N, C-alpha and C. Protein backbone atom coordinates (compact mmCIF):
# COMPACT_ATOMS: atom_id res chain seq x y z
N MET A 1 -10.27 -33.09 40.61
CA MET A 1 -10.76 -32.14 39.45
C MET A 1 -12.01 -32.67 38.94
N LYS A 2 -12.83 -31.89 38.08
CA LYS A 2 -13.56 -32.07 37.38
C LYS A 2 -13.40 -32.45 36.27
N LYS A 3 -13.99 -33.89 35.56
CA LYS A 3 -13.54 -33.91 34.38
C LYS A 3 -14.05 -33.30 32.97
N ARG A 4 -13.27 -32.98 32.23
CA ARG A 4 -14.34 -32.26 31.19
C ARG A 4 -13.96 -32.84 29.97
N THR A 5 -15.17 -32.89 29.12
CA THR A 5 -15.08 -33.36 27.87
C THR A 5 -14.17 -32.30 26.81
N LEU A 6 -13.08 -33.24 26.44
CA LEU A 6 -12.18 -32.87 25.58
C LEU A 6 -12.48 -32.58 23.86
N PRO A 7 -12.40 -31.46 23.52
CA PRO A 7 -12.62 -31.27 21.59
C PRO A 7 -11.94 -32.15 21.07
N ARG A 8 -11.94 -32.79 20.25
CA ARG A 8 -11.39 -33.62 19.30
C ARG A 8 -10.30 -33.01 18.59
N LEU A 9 -10.32 -31.87 18.14
CA LEU A 9 -9.79 -30.98 17.28
C LEU A 9 -8.91 -30.45 18.01
N TYR A 10 -7.68 -30.72 17.79
CA TYR A 10 -6.20 -29.88 18.56
C TYR A 10 -5.58 -28.73 17.96
N VAL A 11 -5.82 -27.39 17.54
CA VAL A 11 -4.70 -26.44 16.72
C VAL A 11 -3.63 -26.07 17.48
N VAL A 12 -2.32 -26.14 17.03
CA VAL A 12 -1.55 -25.78 17.89
C VAL A 12 -0.80 -24.45 16.95
N SER A 13 -0.81 -23.52 17.58
CA SER A 13 -0.16 -22.12 16.99
C SER A 13 1.14 -22.23 17.07
N ASN A 14 1.83 -21.82 15.89
CA ASN A 14 3.33 -21.60 15.94
C ASN A 14 3.74 -20.71 14.63
N SER A 15 3.51 -19.82 15.33
CA SER A 15 4.07 -18.51 13.79
C SER A 15 5.07 -17.53 14.26
N PRO A 16 6.35 -17.69 14.33
CA PRO A 16 7.16 -16.99 14.78
C PRO A 16 7.72 -15.95 13.97
N GLN A 17 7.14 -16.73 12.02
CA GLN A 17 7.23 -15.77 10.99
C GLN A 17 6.18 -15.12 10.48
N ARG A 18 5.29 -14.61 11.32
CA ARG A 18 4.07 -14.05 11.28
C ARG A 18 4.47 -12.80 11.93
N PRO A 19 4.22 -11.50 11.09
CA PRO A 19 4.65 -10.75 11.82
C PRO A 19 4.14 -10.11 12.72
N TYR A 20 2.74 -9.91 13.16
CA TYR A 20 2.05 -9.55 14.16
C TYR A 20 0.96 -10.51 14.64
N PRO A 21 1.58 -11.81 15.40
CA PRO A 21 1.09 -12.63 16.03
C PRO A 21 -0.43 -11.97 16.66
N GLU A 22 0.25 -11.12 17.26
CA GLU A 22 -0.91 -10.66 18.57
C GLU A 22 -2.22 -10.28 17.73
N ASN A 23 -2.41 -9.89 17.01
CA ASN A 23 -3.26 -9.12 16.20
C ASN A 23 -3.82 -10.85 15.23
N GLU A 24 -3.13 -11.31 14.36
CA GLU A 24 -3.78 -12.43 13.62
C GLU A 24 -4.18 -13.64 14.75
N LEU A 25 -3.35 -13.81 15.43
CA LEU A 25 -3.76 -15.41 16.23
C LEU A 25 -5.19 -15.55 17.28
N PRO A 26 -5.71 -14.16 17.68
CA PRO A 26 -6.74 -13.97 18.11
C PRO A 26 -7.89 -14.00 17.23
N GLU A 27 -8.11 -13.49 16.09
CA GLU A 27 -8.68 -13.56 14.98
C GLU A 27 -8.83 -14.82 14.41
N LEU A 28 -7.82 -15.72 13.86
CA LEU A 28 -7.96 -16.63 13.75
C LEU A 28 -8.35 -17.95 14.81
N ALA A 29 -8.23 -18.02 15.84
CA ALA A 29 -8.77 -18.58 17.03
C ALA A 29 -10.40 -18.31 16.91
N ARG A 30 -10.74 -17.57 17.18
CA ARG A 30 -12.17 -17.04 16.72
C ARG A 30 -12.91 -17.85 15.72
N GLU A 31 -11.89 -17.81 14.57
CA GLU A 31 -12.79 -18.25 13.00
C GLU A 31 -12.52 -19.62 13.30
N ILE A 32 -11.81 -20.45 13.80
CA ILE A 32 -11.78 -21.56 14.24
C ILE A 32 -12.45 -22.21 14.89
N THR A 33 -13.07 -21.91 15.94
CA THR A 33 -13.85 -22.09 17.38
C THR A 33 -15.33 -21.69 16.87
N ALA A 34 -15.37 -20.79 15.77
CA ALA A 34 -16.58 -20.90 15.03
C ALA A 34 -17.28 -21.89 14.24
N HIS A 35 -16.09 -22.88 14.12
CA HIS A 35 -16.72 -23.97 13.44
C HIS A 35 -16.96 -25.08 14.06
N GLY A 36 -16.86 -24.77 14.78
CA GLY A 36 -16.66 -26.40 16.35
C GLY A 36 -15.55 -26.12 17.48
N ALA A 37 -15.99 -26.90 18.10
CA ALA A 37 -15.28 -26.93 19.36
C ALA A 37 -13.77 -27.17 19.18
N ALA A 38 -12.70 -26.63 19.62
CA ALA A 38 -11.40 -27.09 19.44
C ALA A 38 -10.73 -26.52 20.69
N ILE A 39 -9.10 -27.44 21.17
CA ILE A 39 -8.17 -27.09 21.55
C ILE A 39 -7.23 -25.90 20.93
N ILE A 40 -7.01 -25.13 21.72
CA ILE A 40 -5.96 -24.03 20.92
C ILE A 40 -5.01 -24.10 21.93
N GLN A 41 -3.89 -24.43 21.35
CA GLN A 41 -2.56 -24.22 22.15
C GLN A 41 -1.91 -23.30 21.52
N LEU A 42 -1.28 -22.55 22.49
CA LEU A 42 -0.73 -21.45 22.06
C LEU A 42 1.31 -21.47 22.38
N ARG A 43 1.77 -21.67 21.29
CA ARG A 43 2.98 -22.34 21.35
C ARG A 43 4.64 -21.10 20.68
N GLU A 44 3.96 -19.99 21.12
CA GLU A 44 4.62 -18.91 20.55
C GLU A 44 6.09 -18.72 21.64
N LYS A 45 6.70 -19.85 21.59
CA LYS A 45 8.24 -19.56 21.89
C LYS A 45 9.20 -18.58 21.83
N HIS A 46 8.55 -17.48 20.65
CA HIS A 46 9.30 -16.76 20.28
C HIS A 46 9.05 -15.61 21.02
N LEU A 47 8.43 -15.59 21.59
CA LEU A 47 7.38 -14.17 22.59
C LEU A 47 8.08 -14.33 23.94
N SER A 48 8.39 -12.88 24.01
CA SER A 48 8.61 -13.07 25.86
C SER A 48 7.39 -13.17 26.72
N ALA A 49 7.68 -13.47 27.83
CA ALA A 49 6.52 -14.01 28.83
C ALA A 49 5.17 -12.65 28.98
N LYS A 50 5.61 -11.29 28.44
CA LYS A 50 4.98 -10.23 28.92
C LYS A 50 4.02 -10.57 27.55
N ALA A 51 4.55 -10.18 26.21
CA ALA A 51 3.75 -10.52 25.03
C ALA A 51 3.35 -11.85 25.12
N PHE A 52 3.87 -12.80 25.42
CA PHE A 52 2.98 -14.09 25.78
C PHE A 52 1.86 -14.18 26.41
N TYR A 53 1.66 -13.80 27.75
CA TYR A 53 0.64 -13.38 28.32
C TYR A 53 -0.43 -12.50 28.00
N GLU A 54 0.09 -11.00 27.05
CA GLU A 54 -1.34 -10.28 26.36
C GLU A 54 -1.72 -11.40 25.39
N LEU A 55 -1.29 -11.91 24.56
CA LEU A 55 -1.60 -12.76 23.24
C LEU A 55 -2.41 -13.63 24.14
N ALA A 56 -2.19 -14.52 25.41
CA ALA A 56 -3.20 -15.54 26.06
C ALA A 56 -4.50 -14.95 26.19
N LEU A 57 -4.12 -13.86 26.65
CA LEU A 57 -5.71 -12.78 27.05
C LEU A 57 -6.52 -12.67 25.92
N ARG A 58 -5.73 -12.09 24.96
CA ARG A 58 -6.28 -12.21 23.62
C ARG A 58 -7.01 -13.12 23.06
N VAL A 59 -6.43 -14.12 22.84
CA VAL A 59 -6.92 -15.43 22.25
C VAL A 59 -8.58 -15.70 23.07
N ARG A 60 -8.10 -15.76 24.89
CA ARG A 60 -9.07 -16.60 25.55
C ARG A 60 -10.21 -15.33 25.21
N SER A 61 -10.21 -14.17 25.33
CA SER A 61 -11.41 -13.44 24.76
C SER A 61 -12.12 -13.66 23.96
N ARG A 62 -11.71 -14.28 22.46
CA ARG A 62 -12.23 -14.58 21.55
C ARG A 62 -12.87 -15.71 21.65
N ILE A 63 -12.92 -17.09 22.76
CA ILE A 63 -13.12 -17.91 22.64
C ILE A 63 -14.06 -18.39 24.03
N GLU A 64 -13.96 -17.45 24.47
CA GLU A 64 -14.17 -17.51 26.30
C GLU A 64 -15.70 -17.75 26.17
N TYR A 65 -16.57 -17.81 25.19
CA TYR A 65 -18.24 -18.16 25.46
C TYR A 65 -18.38 -19.65 24.46
N THR A 66 -17.81 -20.29 24.04
CA THR A 66 -17.59 -21.35 23.55
C THR A 66 -17.13 -22.61 24.00
N SER A 67 -17.21 -23.67 23.29
CA SER A 67 -16.96 -24.84 23.88
C SER A 67 -15.56 -25.26 24.02
N SER A 68 -14.71 -24.22 23.60
CA SER A 68 -13.40 -24.45 23.31
C SER A 68 -12.73 -24.36 24.34
N LEU A 69 -11.06 -24.87 24.39
CA LEU A 69 -10.40 -24.54 25.55
C LEU A 69 -8.91 -23.99 25.15
N LEU A 70 -8.24 -23.16 26.05
CA LEU A 70 -7.25 -22.65 25.48
C LEU A 70 -5.96 -23.14 26.59
N ILE A 71 -4.94 -23.68 25.95
CA ILE A 71 -3.97 -24.43 26.70
C ILE A 71 -2.53 -23.49 26.32
N VAL A 72 -1.89 -23.21 27.13
CA VAL A 72 -0.25 -22.70 26.78
C VAL A 72 0.69 -23.51 26.79
N ASN A 73 1.38 -23.23 25.94
CA ASN A 73 2.35 -24.54 25.85
C ASN A 73 3.63 -24.05 26.95
N GLU A 74 3.90 -25.31 27.97
CA GLU A 74 5.22 -24.92 28.50
C GLU A 74 4.73 -23.78 29.76
N ARG A 75 4.83 -22.56 29.18
CA ARG A 75 4.81 -21.58 30.05
C ARG A 75 3.59 -21.74 31.08
N PHE A 76 3.84 -22.51 32.29
CA PHE A 76 2.77 -22.51 33.51
C PHE A 76 2.19 -21.16 34.04
N ASP A 77 3.36 -20.28 34.18
CA ASP A 77 3.36 -19.42 34.98
C ASP A 77 2.36 -18.40 33.87
N VAL A 78 2.25 -18.62 32.59
CA VAL A 78 1.54 -17.53 31.77
C VAL A 78 0.27 -18.41 31.88
N ALA A 79 -0.02 -19.34 31.70
CA ALA A 79 -1.07 -20.30 31.81
C ALA A 79 -2.00 -19.75 32.81
N LEU A 80 -1.25 -19.46 34.10
CA LEU A 80 -1.83 -19.38 35.26
C LEU A 80 -2.59 -17.88 35.35
N ALA A 81 -1.52 -16.87 34.93
CA ALA A 81 -1.57 -15.71 34.95
C ALA A 81 -2.97 -15.24 34.11
N ALA A 82 -2.74 -15.81 32.83
CA ALA A 82 -3.72 -15.52 31.69
C ALA A 82 -5.21 -16.13 31.99
N GLY A 83 -5.34 -17.33 33.15
CA GLY A 83 -6.54 -17.77 33.39
C GLY A 83 -6.66 -19.01 32.01
N ALA A 84 -5.58 -19.31 31.57
CA ALA A 84 -5.86 -20.56 30.38
C ALA A 84 -6.44 -21.53 31.34
N ASP A 85 -7.13 -22.46 30.24
CA ASP A 85 -7.89 -23.98 30.66
C ASP A 85 -6.53 -24.99 31.01
N GLY A 86 -5.38 -24.82 30.52
CA GLY A 86 -4.56 -25.64 31.16
C GLY A 86 -3.09 -25.47 30.62
N THR A 87 -2.16 -26.43 30.42
CA THR A 87 -0.61 -26.27 30.36
C THR A 87 -0.33 -27.47 29.56
N HIS A 88 0.31 -27.14 28.25
CA HIS A 88 1.05 -28.46 27.63
C HIS A 88 2.55 -28.19 28.02
N PHE A 89 2.79 -30.03 28.54
CA PHE A 89 4.41 -29.45 28.33
C PHE A 89 4.90 -30.66 27.68
N PRO A 90 6.29 -30.46 27.08
CA PRO A 90 7.23 -31.30 26.57
C PRO A 90 7.45 -32.75 26.93
N GLU A 91 7.79 -33.84 26.47
CA GLU A 91 8.09 -35.02 26.67
C GLU A 91 8.95 -35.00 28.04
N ASP A 92 9.97 -33.93 27.94
CA ASP A 92 11.31 -33.86 28.89
C ASP A 92 10.86 -33.03 30.07
N SER A 93 10.05 -32.75 30.27
CA SER A 93 9.50 -31.63 31.00
C SER A 93 9.53 -32.14 32.75
N CYS A 94 9.64 -30.93 33.28
CA CYS A 94 9.26 -31.50 34.91
C CYS A 94 7.92 -32.16 34.90
N PRO A 95 7.78 -33.19 36.04
CA PRO A 95 7.12 -34.29 36.35
C PRO A 95 5.71 -33.55 36.49
N LEU A 96 4.88 -33.91 36.05
CA LEU A 96 3.46 -33.28 35.67
C LEU A 96 2.55 -33.08 37.07
N ASP A 97 3.08 -34.00 38.17
CA ASP A 97 2.53 -34.17 39.14
C ASP A 97 2.71 -33.04 39.81
N LYS A 98 3.96 -32.63 39.85
CA LYS A 98 4.14 -30.98 40.57
C LYS A 98 3.83 -29.90 40.58
N ALA A 99 3.49 -29.67 38.84
CA ALA A 99 2.89 -28.49 38.53
C ALA A 99 1.11 -28.73 38.91
N ARG A 100 0.71 -29.86 38.72
CA ARG A 100 -0.55 -30.41 39.09
C ARG A 100 -1.04 -29.46 40.51
N ALA A 101 -0.46 -30.23 41.55
CA ALA A 101 -0.24 -29.87 42.93
C ALA A 101 -0.37 -28.22 42.85
N ALA A 102 0.42 -27.25 42.51
CA ALA A 102 -0.23 -26.12 42.31
C ALA A 102 -1.17 -25.47 41.63
N ALA A 103 -1.81 -26.23 40.68
CA ALA A 103 -2.83 -25.64 40.14
C ALA A 103 -3.83 -27.13 39.93
N PRO A 104 -4.44 -27.97 40.70
CA PRO A 104 -5.53 -29.01 40.59
C PRO A 104 -6.48 -28.73 39.76
N GLY A 105 -6.77 -27.58 39.33
CA GLY A 105 -8.03 -27.47 38.47
C GLY A 105 -7.81 -27.15 37.21
N MET A 106 -6.38 -27.30 36.71
CA MET A 106 -6.12 -26.90 35.41
C MET A 106 -5.90 -28.27 34.99
N LEU A 107 -5.89 -28.43 33.20
CA LEU A 107 -5.76 -29.48 32.32
C LEU A 107 -3.52 -29.37 32.37
N ALA A 108 -3.57 -30.42 32.19
CA ALA A 108 -2.07 -31.11 32.03
C ALA A 108 -1.84 -31.72 31.05
N GLY A 109 -1.35 -31.58 29.64
CA GLY A 109 -1.41 -32.29 28.46
C GLY A 109 0.18 -32.49 28.33
N LYS A 110 0.86 -33.47 27.92
CA LYS A 110 1.74 -33.90 27.73
C LYS A 110 2.33 -34.60 26.20
N SER A 111 3.34 -34.06 25.35
CA SER A 111 3.84 -34.37 24.30
C SER A 111 4.81 -35.78 24.67
N ILE A 112 4.43 -37.00 23.94
CA ILE A 112 5.20 -38.29 24.11
C ILE A 112 5.42 -38.76 22.55
N HIS A 113 6.43 -39.36 22.74
CA HIS A 113 7.21 -40.34 21.26
C HIS A 113 7.53 -41.66 21.52
N SER A 114 6.99 -42.37 22.46
CA SER A 114 7.32 -43.47 22.87
C SER A 114 6.30 -44.01 23.70
N GLN A 115 6.31 -45.45 23.57
CA GLN A 115 5.35 -46.49 24.77
C GLN A 115 5.38 -45.91 26.20
N ARG A 116 6.99 -45.85 26.49
CA ARG A 116 7.35 -45.76 28.26
C ARG A 116 6.99 -44.20 28.10
N SER A 117 7.41 -43.12 27.45
CA SER A 117 6.90 -41.83 27.89
C SER A 117 4.97 -41.76 27.95
N ALA A 118 4.61 -42.32 26.98
CA ALA A 118 3.02 -42.37 27.18
C ALA A 118 2.47 -42.74 29.00
N LEU A 119 3.23 -43.91 29.33
CA LEU A 119 2.68 -44.70 30.40
C LEU A 119 3.23 -43.77 31.84
N SER A 120 4.58 -43.27 31.41
CA SER A 120 4.87 -42.26 32.51
C SER A 120 4.20 -41.15 32.34
N ALA A 121 3.93 -40.20 31.72
CA ALA A 121 2.87 -39.51 31.59
C ALA A 121 1.53 -39.53 32.08
N GLU A 122 0.72 -40.80 31.92
CA GLU A 122 -0.30 -41.15 32.54
C GLU A 122 -0.01 -41.23 34.05
N THR A 123 1.34 -42.25 34.61
CA THR A 123 1.58 -42.27 35.69
C THR A 123 1.20 -40.93 36.26
N GLU A 124 2.28 -39.76 35.82
CA GLU A 124 2.02 -38.46 36.31
C GLU A 124 0.94 -37.78 36.65
N GLY A 125 -0.27 -38.26 36.02
CA GLY A 125 -1.80 -37.70 36.33
C GLY A 125 -2.23 -36.51 34.94
N ALA A 126 -1.67 -37.26 33.45
CA ALA A 126 -1.59 -35.99 32.80
C ALA A 126 -3.36 -36.41 31.99
N ASP A 127 -3.85 -35.49 31.61
CA ASP A 127 -4.94 -35.55 31.18
C ASP A 127 -5.06 -36.05 29.44
N TYR A 128 -4.31 -35.72 29.02
CA TYR A 128 -4.33 -36.37 27.72
C TYR A 128 -2.85 -36.27 26.99
N LEU A 129 -2.56 -36.81 25.91
CA LEU A 129 -1.14 -36.77 25.58
C LEU A 129 -1.46 -36.59 23.87
N ILE A 130 -0.10 -35.83 23.40
CA ILE A 130 0.14 -35.65 21.84
C ILE A 130 1.26 -36.43 21.53
N ALA A 131 0.96 -37.62 20.33
CA ALA A 131 1.70 -38.56 20.34
C ALA A 131 2.18 -38.51 18.48
N GLY A 132 3.35 -38.90 18.28
CA GLY A 132 3.79 -38.51 17.08
C GLY A 132 5.25 -38.27 16.89
N PRO A 133 5.38 -37.78 15.62
CA PRO A 133 4.93 -37.54 14.54
C PRO A 133 4.44 -38.88 14.09
N VAL A 134 2.94 -39.17 13.65
CA VAL A 134 2.36 -40.53 13.20
C VAL A 134 3.03 -40.69 11.23
N PHE A 135 2.91 -39.50 11.09
CA PHE A 135 3.52 -39.37 9.52
C PHE A 135 4.76 -38.51 9.33
N GLU A 136 5.12 -38.45 8.06
CA GLU A 136 6.28 -37.87 7.88
C GLU A 136 5.90 -36.59 7.44
N THR A 137 6.91 -35.55 8.37
CA THR A 137 6.52 -34.34 8.31
C THR A 137 7.61 -33.40 8.90
N PRO A 138 7.94 -32.04 7.83
CA PRO A 138 9.37 -31.72 7.94
C PRO A 138 9.15 -30.68 9.50
N LEU A 139 8.06 -30.63 9.88
CA LEU A 139 8.08 -29.90 11.21
C LEU A 139 8.50 -30.73 12.44
N LYS A 140 8.48 -32.19 12.01
CA LYS A 140 8.89 -32.85 13.45
C LYS A 140 9.94 -33.87 12.90
N THR A 141 10.89 -33.32 12.02
CA THR A 141 12.01 -34.01 11.64
C THR A 141 13.35 -34.18 12.97
N GLN A 142 13.02 -33.14 14.13
CA GLN A 142 13.69 -33.21 14.85
C GLN A 142 14.11 -34.39 15.77
N TYR A 143 12.40 -35.15 15.42
CA TYR A 143 12.33 -36.48 16.19
C TYR A 143 12.68 -37.78 15.70
N GLY A 144 13.10 -37.23 14.51
CA GLY A 144 13.69 -38.92 13.89
C GLY A 144 12.60 -39.19 13.14
N ALA A 145 12.48 -40.81 12.65
CA ALA A 145 11.56 -41.23 11.65
C ALA A 145 10.27 -41.48 12.41
N PRO A 146 8.84 -41.08 11.54
CA PRO A 146 7.54 -41.27 12.13
C PRO A 146 7.35 -41.92 12.90
N LEU A 147 6.46 -42.09 13.52
CA LEU A 147 6.02 -43.74 14.59
C LEU A 147 5.49 -44.45 13.83
N GLY A 148 4.59 -44.15 12.90
CA GLY A 148 4.12 -44.97 11.85
C GLY A 148 2.53 -45.01 12.63
N LEU A 149 1.57 -45.61 11.97
CA LEU A 149 0.23 -46.11 12.49
C LEU A 149 0.60 -47.58 13.43
N GLU A 150 1.27 -47.78 13.22
CA GLU A 150 1.13 -49.05 14.59
C GLU A 150 1.63 -49.30 15.82
N LYS A 151 2.79 -48.32 15.46
CA LYS A 151 3.25 -47.81 16.74
C LYS A 151 2.51 -46.86 17.61
N PHE A 152 1.63 -45.94 16.87
CA PHE A 152 1.06 -45.23 17.63
C PHE A 152 -0.27 -46.02 17.73
N SER A 153 -1.05 -46.97 17.08
CA SER A 153 -1.64 -47.83 17.59
C SER A 153 -1.34 -48.35 19.12
N GLU A 154 -0.26 -48.62 19.30
CA GLU A 154 0.30 -49.30 20.62
C GLU A 154 0.29 -48.75 21.95
N ILE A 155 0.30 -47.32 21.45
CA ILE A 155 0.44 -46.35 22.47
C ILE A 155 -0.93 -46.45 22.81
N CYS A 156 -1.66 -45.98 22.32
CA CYS A 156 -2.99 -45.71 22.45
C CYS A 156 -3.81 -46.81 23.17
N ARG A 157 -3.23 -47.87 22.71
CA ARG A 157 -3.93 -49.30 23.64
C ARG A 157 -3.23 -49.53 24.89
N ILE A 158 -2.17 -48.72 25.26
CA ILE A 158 -1.51 -49.17 26.44
C ILE A 158 -2.05 -48.22 27.65
N VAL A 159 -2.80 -46.99 26.94
CA VAL A 159 -2.99 -46.18 28.02
C VAL A 159 -4.52 -45.88 28.08
N SER A 160 -5.25 -45.04 29.04
CA SER A 160 -6.63 -45.04 29.08
C SER A 160 -6.96 -43.52 29.02
N ILE A 161 -5.92 -42.83 28.82
CA ILE A 161 -6.18 -41.22 28.60
C ILE A 161 -6.45 -40.66 27.13
N PRO A 162 -7.08 -39.77 26.83
CA PRO A 162 -7.35 -39.04 25.55
C PRO A 162 -5.82 -39.30 24.63
N VAL A 163 -5.60 -39.64 23.72
CA VAL A 163 -4.63 -39.58 22.66
C VAL A 163 -4.34 -38.93 21.37
N TYR A 164 -4.17 -37.80 21.19
CA TYR A 164 -4.49 -36.91 20.05
C TYR A 164 -2.89 -37.31 19.30
N ALA A 165 -2.98 -37.69 17.70
CA ALA A 165 -2.27 -38.01 16.78
C ALA A 165 -1.60 -36.95 16.39
N ILE A 166 -0.34 -36.63 15.90
CA ILE A 166 0.43 -35.18 15.69
C ILE A 166 1.26 -35.70 14.51
N GLY A 167 1.29 -34.84 13.44
CA GLY A 167 2.87 -35.00 12.31
C GLY A 167 1.97 -35.44 11.07
N GLY A 168 2.01 -34.30 10.31
CA GLY A 168 1.64 -35.33 8.75
C GLY A 168 -0.01 -35.34 8.90
N ILE A 169 -0.46 -34.69 9.96
CA ILE A 169 -2.33 -35.06 9.80
C ILE A 169 -2.98 -34.06 9.01
N THR A 170 -3.84 -34.61 8.38
CA THR A 170 -4.73 -34.05 7.30
C THR A 170 -6.27 -34.80 7.39
N PRO A 171 -7.06 -33.86 7.09
CA PRO A 171 -8.47 -34.75 6.84
C PRO A 171 -8.43 -35.57 6.11
N SER A 172 -7.63 -36.45 4.96
CA SER A 172 -7.56 -37.75 4.64
C SER A 172 -7.15 -38.74 5.21
N ASN A 173 -6.15 -38.53 6.13
CA ASN A 173 -5.39 -39.62 6.93
C ASN A 173 -6.01 -39.77 8.31
N THR A 174 -6.68 -38.44 8.89
CA THR A 174 -7.59 -38.46 10.25
C THR A 174 -8.26 -39.85 10.52
N ARG A 175 -9.28 -40.45 9.57
CA ARG A 175 -9.53 -41.87 9.67
C ARG A 175 -8.68 -42.88 10.25
N GLN A 176 -7.72 -42.72 9.50
CA GLN A 176 -6.49 -43.59 9.94
C GLN A 176 -6.09 -44.01 11.23
N CYS A 177 -6.19 -42.46 11.70
CA CYS A 177 -5.81 -42.32 13.02
C CYS A 177 -6.67 -42.60 14.18
N LEU A 178 -7.80 -42.04 13.77
CA LEU A 178 -9.11 -42.53 14.63
C LEU A 178 -9.38 -44.55 14.82
N ASP A 179 -8.97 -44.85 13.61
CA ASP A 179 -9.68 -46.53 13.52
C ASP A 179 -8.11 -46.90 14.52
N ARG A 180 -7.22 -46.38 14.69
CA ARG A 180 -5.95 -46.91 15.67
C ARG A 180 -6.10 -46.81 16.90
N GLY A 181 -6.83 -45.71 17.14
CA GLY A 181 -6.99 -45.89 18.80
C GLY A 181 -7.08 -44.05 19.08
N ALA A 182 -6.80 -43.19 17.98
CA ALA A 182 -6.79 -41.73 18.42
C ALA A 182 -7.82 -41.27 18.97
N TYR A 183 -7.90 -40.49 19.87
CA TYR A 183 -9.42 -39.67 20.56
C TYR A 183 -9.51 -38.46 19.49
N GLY A 184 -8.14 -37.71 19.18
CA GLY A 184 -8.55 -36.80 18.04
C GLY A 184 -7.29 -36.50 17.35
N VAL A 185 -7.24 -35.44 16.48
CA VAL A 185 -6.27 -35.46 16.10
C VAL A 185 -5.49 -33.67 16.19
N ALA A 186 -4.43 -33.14 16.18
CA ALA A 186 -3.51 -32.37 16.46
C ALA A 186 -2.99 -31.79 15.34
N ALA A 187 -3.17 -30.05 14.99
CA ALA A 187 -2.63 -30.02 13.56
C ALA A 187 -1.60 -28.44 14.22
N LEU A 188 -0.44 -28.58 13.68
CA LEU A 188 0.60 -27.30 13.68
C LEU A 188 0.12 -26.44 12.43
N SER A 189 0.13 -26.93 11.34
CA SER A 189 -0.34 -25.87 9.76
C SER A 189 -2.02 -25.28 9.34
N ILE A 190 -2.61 -25.66 10.29
CA ILE A 190 -3.81 -24.97 9.88
C ILE A 190 -3.68 -23.49 10.19
N PHE A 191 -3.09 -22.77 11.28
CA PHE A 191 -3.15 -21.20 11.67
C PHE A 191 -2.46 -20.84 10.32
N ARG A 192 -1.66 -21.68 9.44
CA ARG A 192 -1.01 -21.21 8.37
C ARG A 192 -1.57 -21.31 7.15
N THR A 193 -3.09 -21.93 6.77
CA THR A 193 -3.88 -21.78 5.92
C THR A 193 -4.78 -21.26 5.93
N SER A 194 -4.76 -19.76 6.16
CA SER A 194 -5.93 -19.07 6.33
C SER A 194 -6.66 -18.89 5.29
N GLU A 195 -6.35 -18.95 4.00
CA GLU A 195 -7.25 -18.96 2.43
C GLU A 195 -7.92 -19.74 2.69
N SER A 196 -7.36 -21.34 3.26
CA SER A 196 -8.55 -22.43 2.57
C SER A 196 -9.18 -23.37 4.28
N LEU A 197 -8.70 -21.99 5.16
CA LEU A 197 -9.10 -22.50 6.95
C LEU A 197 -10.23 -22.91 6.65
N ALA A 198 -11.59 -22.36 6.50
CA ALA A 198 -13.14 -23.04 6.47
C ALA A 198 -12.83 -24.39 5.88
N ASN A 199 -12.64 -24.35 4.72
CA ASN A 199 -12.58 -25.89 4.20
C ASN A 199 -12.05 -27.03 5.17
N THR A 200 -10.58 -26.70 5.27
CA THR A 200 -9.82 -27.35 6.22
C THR A 200 -10.67 -27.79 7.32
N LEU A 201 -11.34 -26.72 8.09
CA LEU A 201 -11.57 -27.14 9.50
C LEU A 201 -13.34 -27.89 9.28
N GLU A 202 -13.91 -27.60 7.79
CA GLU A 202 -15.17 -28.51 7.70
C GLU A 202 -14.87 -29.79 7.50
N SER A 203 -13.45 -29.93 6.71
CA SER A 203 -13.43 -31.45 6.53
C SER A 203 -12.67 -31.98 7.75
N PHE A 204 -12.11 -31.26 8.62
CA PHE A 204 -11.51 -32.22 9.70
C PHE A 204 -13.10 -32.41 10.74
N ASN A 205 -13.90 -31.53 10.60
CA ASN A 205 -14.99 -31.48 11.79
C ASN A 205 -15.70 -32.65 11.37
N ASN A 206 -16.01 -32.90 9.91
CA ASN A 206 -17.06 -33.94 9.16
C ASN A 206 -16.38 -35.33 9.47
N MET A 207 -15.16 -35.46 9.54
CA MET A 207 -14.80 -36.94 9.70
C MET A 207 -14.57 -37.08 11.40
N LEU A 208 -14.46 -35.92 12.06
CA LEU A 208 -14.02 -36.31 13.69
C LEU A 208 -15.69 -36.77 14.00
N ASN A 209 -16.74 -35.79 13.73
CA ASN A 209 -18.01 -36.28 14.09
C ASN A 209 -18.35 -37.29 13.74
N GLN A 210 -18.14 -38.08 12.19
CA GLN A 210 -18.63 -39.05 12.11
C GLN A 210 -18.01 -40.46 12.99
N CYS A 211 -17.04 -40.01 13.57
CA CYS A 211 -16.62 -41.25 14.43
C CYS A 211 -16.59 -41.26 15.99
N THR A 212 -17.54 -40.33 16.80
CA THR A 212 -18.09 -39.99 17.70
C THR A 212 -18.80 -41.13 18.23
């Protein structure tokens, strides 16, 4: 597989409360990527496979001629059918090498919450990791107490693939994550703050660009 330079801003969509995600998310993806390269991960677990596929096609059409990438959460079949750039897998998913064998040209990422999981995912052939939650956040309470910066730093140190920080990430604490070894930052909340989206993206991109 030809290695690709990954964008350093990673945006995860999660909008079960939005009444019309099939209309809103493609336009939000267009606006986000207009401000700079980003990875857009669709995590709409509440949608049927058909609706998820159709949404992925719409989002892909909005970012197709940019340097941004489309990743589908967990639904490897939807990612293949929609021509996405890759699939993101949860920590307890099937081994990545099995999925990679079916589509060697696609990116494969994995969420991890410990050093052991990080090493295992790298061995399986993950292209990148999302580690967290780094900071306290209500969206990640199911994973217990946050990792904190020191444990996050240890994860970054023991692997040689890009690691994105997630969990309570803001422009103001992005530099702390980058200083601890993060390749980039991932956020779940950007899609929900459309009123201040431009300012939020500018702040994130300014910080990430300073640390390249």
